[in-house]
Amino acid sequence: MPATKIFEDDDEFPEGDRWEALAWDVPESDKFPEGLKYSSQYLGPVDEEILRYDNANDAHGVGRHHRHYRGEVEGIEFEGLRSHLQKFLDEVETIHEQEIA
């Protein structure tokens, strides 16, 4: 079974910072035990990566589900796509208000 895109959304703030989120239904495997592959990223006005949530791999040694913030990486809990995306968007809004707006 090939990967099937199940979610895609993005938005841009007037200041030029923007976020995008993608998720795919993939075959369950050791690599993707939930049968889900996702990536959500928040970029600053000049396209610098500020924040990213993803489960692409565990190359950082912090677990498959992890959060990148300004070059630092930490493992995070995954409780489902909807709550994970809401957590990401809440964090985007906070960072935007505190650092960009």
N, C-alpha and C. Protein backbone atom coordinates (compact mmCIF):
# COMPACT_ATOMS: atom_id res chain seq x y z
N MET A 1 0.84 -1.18 0.00
CA MET A 1 0.00 0.00 0.00
C MET A 1 0.89 1.25 0.00
N PRO A 2 0.71 2.12 -0.95
CA PRO A 2 1.51 3.35 -0.98
C PRO A 2 1.03 4.35 0.08
N ALA A 3 1.85 5.33 0.35
CA ALA A 3 1.47 6.39 1.28
C ALA A 3 0.33 7.21 0.68
N THR A 4 -0.62 7.59 1.54
CA THR A 4 -1.75 8.40 1.13
C THR A 4 -1.79 9.65 1.98
N LYS A 5 -1.77 10.81 1.34
CA LYS A 5 -1.82 12.06 2.09
C LYS A 5 -3.19 12.17 2.75
N ILE A 6 -3.19 12.40 4.08
CA ILE A 6 -4.46 12.51 4.80
C ILE A 6 -4.67 13.91 5.37
N PHE A 7 -3.63 14.72 5.36
CA PHE A 7 -3.78 16.09 5.88
C PHE A 7 -2.73 16.98 5.25
N GLU A 8 -3.15 18.18 4.89
CA GLU A 8 -2.21 19.20 4.41
C GLU A 8 -2.84 20.56 4.68
N ASP A 9 -2.09 21.43 5.33
CA ASP A 9 -2.58 22.79 5.59
C ASP A 9 -1.38 23.69 5.80
N ASP A 10 -1.59 24.99 5.60
CA ASP A 10 -0.54 25.97 5.83
C ASP A 10 -1.19 27.33 6.02
N ASP A 11 -0.42 28.26 6.54
CA ASP A 11 -0.89 29.63 6.70
C ASP A 11 0.32 30.54 6.83
N GLU A 12 0.12 31.82 6.54
CA GLU A 12 1.19 32.80 6.63
C GLU A 12 0.68 34.01 7.41
N PHE A 13 1.53 34.51 8.31
CA PHE A 13 1.22 35.71 9.07
C PHE A 13 1.60 36.93 8.24
N PRO A 14 1.01 38.09 8.51
CA PRO A 14 1.34 39.31 7.77
C PRO A 14 2.82 39.67 7.82
N GLU A 15 3.51 39.27 8.88
CA GLU A 15 4.93 39.58 9.02
C GLU A 15 5.83 38.70 8.16
N GLY A 16 5.24 37.68 7.51
CA GLY A 16 6.00 36.82 6.61
C GLY A 16 6.37 35.47 7.18
N ASP A 17 6.22 35.25 8.48
CA ASP A 17 6.45 33.93 9.03
C ASP A 17 5.26 33.04 8.65
N ARG A 18 5.53 31.73 8.54
CA ARG A 18 4.49 30.84 8.05
C ARG A 18 4.67 29.44 8.61
N TRP A 19 3.61 28.67 8.58
CA TRP A 19 3.68 27.27 9.00
C TRP A 19 3.05 26.39 7.92
N GLU A 20 3.45 25.13 7.95
CA GLU A 20 2.87 24.13 7.06
C GLU A 20 2.87 22.79 7.79
N ALA A 21 1.87 21.98 7.48
CA ALA A 21 1.75 20.68 8.13
C ALA A 21 1.27 19.65 7.11
N LEU A 22 1.87 18.49 7.15
CA LEU A 22 1.53 17.38 6.26
C LEU A 22 1.47 16.09 7.07
N ALA A 23 0.58 15.19 6.67
CA ALA A 23 0.52 13.86 7.29
C ALA A 23 0.10 12.85 6.24
N TRP A 24 0.67 11.65 6.34
CA TRP A 24 0.38 10.57 5.40
C TRP A 24 0.00 9.31 6.17
N ASP A 25 -0.94 8.58 5.64
CA ASP A 25 -1.26 7.24 6.10
C ASP A 25 -0.26 6.33 5.39
N VAL A 26 0.54 5.59 6.16
CA VAL A 26 1.56 4.70 5.60
C VAL A 26 1.35 3.30 6.19
N PRO A 27 1.89 2.28 5.55
CA PRO A 27 1.78 0.94 6.14
C PRO A 27 2.43 0.89 7.52
N GLU A 28 1.77 0.23 8.46
CA GLU A 28 2.37 0.06 9.79
C GLU A 28 3.66 -0.74 9.64
N SER A 29 4.68 -0.30 10.38
CA SER A 29 5.99 -0.95 10.32
C SER A 29 6.75 -0.59 11.59
N ASP A 30 7.95 -1.14 11.73
CA ASP A 30 8.80 -0.75 12.86
C ASP A 30 9.11 0.73 12.79
N LYS A 31 9.25 1.24 11.58
CA LYS A 31 9.58 2.64 11.37
C LYS A 31 8.38 3.56 11.70
N PHE A 32 7.19 3.12 11.36
CA PHE A 32 5.97 3.91 11.59
C PHE A 32 4.90 3.01 12.22
N PRO A 33 5.05 2.69 13.52
CA PRO A 33 4.13 1.75 14.16
C PRO A 33 2.67 2.23 14.20
N GLU A 34 2.44 3.53 14.15
CA GLU A 34 1.08 4.06 14.14
C GLU A 34 0.48 4.08 12.74
N GLY A 35 1.29 3.75 11.72
CA GLY A 35 0.82 3.84 10.35
C GLY A 35 0.65 5.28 9.90
N LEU A 36 1.45 6.17 10.47
CA LEU A 36 1.34 7.60 10.23
C LEU A 36 2.73 8.22 10.10
N LYS A 37 2.89 9.05 9.10
CA LYS A 37 4.11 9.84 8.93
C LYS A 37 3.68 11.30 8.86
N TYR A 38 4.35 12.17 9.62
CA TYR A 38 3.93 13.57 9.65
C TYR A 38 5.13 14.51 9.79
N SER A 39 4.90 15.74 9.40
CA SER A 39 5.88 16.81 9.57
C SER A 39 5.13 18.13 9.61
N SER A 40 5.41 18.92 10.62
CA SER A 40 4.84 20.26 10.74
C SER A 40 6.00 21.19 11.01
N GLN A 41 6.08 22.28 10.25
CA GLN A 41 7.19 23.21 10.48
C GLN A 41 6.72 24.65 10.46
N TYR A 42 7.43 25.45 11.23
CA TYR A 42 7.17 26.88 11.34
C TYR A 42 8.44 27.59 10.91
N LEU A 43 8.31 28.46 9.91
CA LEU A 43 9.45 29.17 9.34
C LEU A 43 9.31 30.66 9.57
N GLY A 44 10.44 31.31 9.84
CA GLY A 44 10.45 32.76 10.04
C GLY A 44 10.34 33.51 8.73
N PRO A 45 10.28 34.84 8.80
CA PRO A 45 10.09 35.67 7.60
C PRO A 45 11.13 35.45 6.50
N VAL A 46 12.33 35.02 6.85
CA VAL A 46 13.35 34.76 5.82
C VAL A 46 13.59 33.25 5.67
N ASP A 47 12.54 32.46 5.92
CA ASP A 47 12.53 31.01 5.76
C ASP A 47 13.47 30.25 6.69
N GLU A 48 13.89 30.86 7.80
CA GLU A 48 14.68 30.09 8.76
C GLU A 48 13.74 29.19 9.56
N GLU A 49 14.19 27.95 9.79
CA GLU A 49 13.37 27.02 10.56
C GLU A 49 13.38 27.43 12.02
N ILE A 50 12.21 27.65 12.57
CA ILE A 50 12.07 27.98 13.98
C ILE A 50 11.63 26.75 14.76
N LEU A 51 10.62 26.05 14.26
CA LEU A 51 10.02 24.93 14.98
C LEU A 51 9.62 23.85 13.99
N ARG A 52 9.82 22.59 14.39
CA ARG A 52 9.34 21.47 13.56
C ARG A 52 8.99 20.31 14.48
N TYR A 53 7.87 19.67 14.21
CA TYR A 53 7.49 18.41 14.82
C TYR A 53 7.53 17.38 13.70
N ASP A 54 8.13 16.21 13.96
CA ASP A 54 8.10 15.16 12.94
C ASP A 54 8.40 13.81 13.55
N ASN A 55 8.17 12.78 12.76
CA ASN A 55 8.52 11.42 13.15
C ASN A 55 9.29 10.73 12.03
N ALA A 56 10.10 11.51 11.31
CA ALA A 56 10.82 10.99 10.14
C ALA A 56 11.81 9.90 10.51
N ASN A 57 12.52 10.06 11.60
CA ASN A 57 13.48 9.05 12.05
C ASN A 57 13.91 9.37 13.47
N ASP A 58 14.70 8.50 14.06
CA ASP A 58 15.23 8.74 15.40
C ASP A 58 16.73 8.98 15.34
N ALA A 59 17.18 9.71 14.33
CA ALA A 59 18.61 9.96 14.17
C ALA A 59 19.18 10.78 15.32
N HIS A 60 18.32 11.45 16.08
CA HIS A 60 18.78 12.31 17.17
C HIS A 60 18.85 11.58 18.50
N GLY A 61 18.36 10.33 18.54
CA GLY A 61 18.41 9.54 19.76
C GLY A 61 17.42 9.99 20.83
N VAL A 62 16.34 10.67 20.43
CA VAL A 62 15.36 11.16 21.40
C VAL A 62 13.99 10.51 21.20
N GLY A 63 13.90 9.57 20.30
CA GLY A 63 12.63 8.91 20.01
C GLY A 63 12.09 9.35 18.66
N ARG A 64 11.24 8.51 18.12
CA ARG A 64 10.70 8.78 16.79
C ARG A 64 9.93 10.10 16.74
N HIS A 65 9.06 10.36 17.73
CA HIS A 65 8.30 11.61 17.76
C HIS A 65 9.17 12.66 18.46
N HIS A 66 9.48 13.72 17.72
CA HIS A 66 10.37 14.72 18.31
C HIS A 66 10.07 16.13 17.81
N ARG A 67 10.63 17.07 18.53
CA ARG A 67 10.40 18.50 18.31
C ARG A 67 11.75 19.17 18.12
N HIS A 68 11.87 19.94 17.05
CA HIS A 68 13.06 20.75 16.79
C HIS A 68 12.69 22.20 17.11
N TYR A 69 13.49 22.87 17.90
CA TYR A 69 13.26 24.28 18.17
C TYR A 69 14.60 25.00 18.14
N ARG A 70 14.78 25.83 17.12
CA ARG A 70 16.00 26.63 16.96
C ARG A 70 17.28 25.80 17.17
N GLY A 71 17.31 24.65 16.50
CA GLY A 71 18.51 23.81 16.51
C GLY A 71 18.57 22.76 17.60
N GLU A 72 17.71 22.83 18.59
CA GLU A 72 17.66 21.83 19.66
C GLU A 72 16.58 20.79 19.33
N VAL A 73 16.81 19.54 19.72
CA VAL A 73 15.86 18.47 19.44
C VAL A 73 15.53 17.75 20.74
N GLU A 74 14.24 17.50 20.95
CA GLU A 74 13.81 16.75 22.13
C GLU A 74 12.67 15.82 21.76
N GLY A 75 12.58 14.69 22.45
CA GLY A 75 11.48 13.77 22.25
C GLY A 75 10.19 14.36 22.81
N ILE A 76 9.06 14.03 22.17
CA ILE A 76 7.77 14.50 22.65
C ILE A 76 6.77 13.35 22.61
N GLU A 77 5.74 13.45 23.43
CA GLU A 77 4.68 12.45 23.46
C GLU A 77 3.78 12.61 22.24
N PHE A 78 3.32 11.50 21.72
CA PHE A 78 2.38 11.53 20.60
C PHE A 78 1.08 10.91 21.08
N GLU A 79 -0.01 11.70 21.06
CA GLU A 79 -1.32 11.22 21.52
C GLU A 79 -2.35 11.27 20.41
N GLY A 80 -1.90 11.25 19.18
CA GLY A 80 -2.81 11.30 18.04
C GLY A 80 -2.55 12.55 17.21
N LEU A 81 -2.88 12.47 15.94
CA LEU A 81 -2.56 13.54 15.01
C LEU A 81 -3.26 14.85 15.37
N ARG A 82 -4.55 14.78 15.69
CA ARG A 82 -5.30 16.00 15.98
C ARG A 82 -4.71 16.77 17.18
N SER A 83 -4.46 16.09 18.28
CA SER A 83 -3.91 16.78 19.45
C SER A 83 -2.48 17.23 19.21
N HIS A 84 -1.74 16.46 18.44
CA HIS A 84 -0.36 16.81 18.13
C HIS A 84 -0.31 18.10 17.28
N LEU A 85 -1.18 18.16 16.29
CA LEU A 85 -1.25 19.35 15.45
C LEU A 85 -1.71 20.56 16.25
N GLN A 86 -2.66 20.37 17.15
CA GLN A 86 -3.12 21.50 17.98
C GLN A 86 -2.01 22.01 18.88
N LYS A 87 -1.22 21.09 19.44
CA LYS A 87 -0.09 21.48 20.27
C LYS A 87 0.92 22.29 19.45
N PHE A 88 1.20 21.83 18.23
CA PHE A 88 2.11 22.54 17.34
C PHE A 88 1.58 23.94 17.03
N LEU A 89 0.30 24.05 16.65
CA LEU A 89 -0.27 25.35 16.29
C LEU A 89 -0.32 26.30 17.49
N ASP A 90 -0.59 25.78 18.67
CA ASP A 90 -0.56 26.62 19.88
C ASP A 90 0.85 27.17 20.10
N GLU A 91 1.84 26.33 19.89
CA GLU A 91 3.22 26.77 20.06
C GLU A 91 3.61 27.79 18.99
N VAL A 92 3.18 27.59 17.75
CA VAL A 92 3.42 28.56 16.69
C VAL A 92 2.86 29.91 17.08
N GLU A 93 1.62 29.93 17.55
CA GLU A 93 0.97 31.19 17.93
C GLU A 93 1.74 31.89 19.04
N THR A 94 2.19 31.14 20.03
CA THR A 94 2.95 31.72 21.14
C THR A 94 4.27 32.30 20.65
N ILE A 95 5.00 31.54 19.85
CA ILE A 95 6.29 32.02 19.32
C ILE A 95 6.07 33.24 18.46
N HIS A 96 5.05 33.21 17.61
CA HIS A 96 4.76 34.36 16.74
C HIS A 96 4.52 35.61 17.59
N GLU A 97 3.68 35.50 18.60
CA GLU A 97 3.34 36.66 19.44
C GLU A 97 4.55 37.17 20.22
N GLN A 98 5.39 36.25 20.72
CA GLN A 98 6.52 36.65 21.56
C GLN A 98 7.75 37.08 20.79
N GLU A 99 7.94 36.55 19.58
CA GLU A 99 9.20 36.78 18.89
C GLU A 99 9.08 37.54 17.56
N ILE A 100 7.92 37.49 16.92
CA ILE A 100 7.81 38.04 15.57
C ILE A 100 6.92 39.28 15.51
N ALA A 101 5.73 39.17 16.05
CA ALA A 101 4.71 40.24 15.93
C ALA A 101 5.14 41.53 16.63
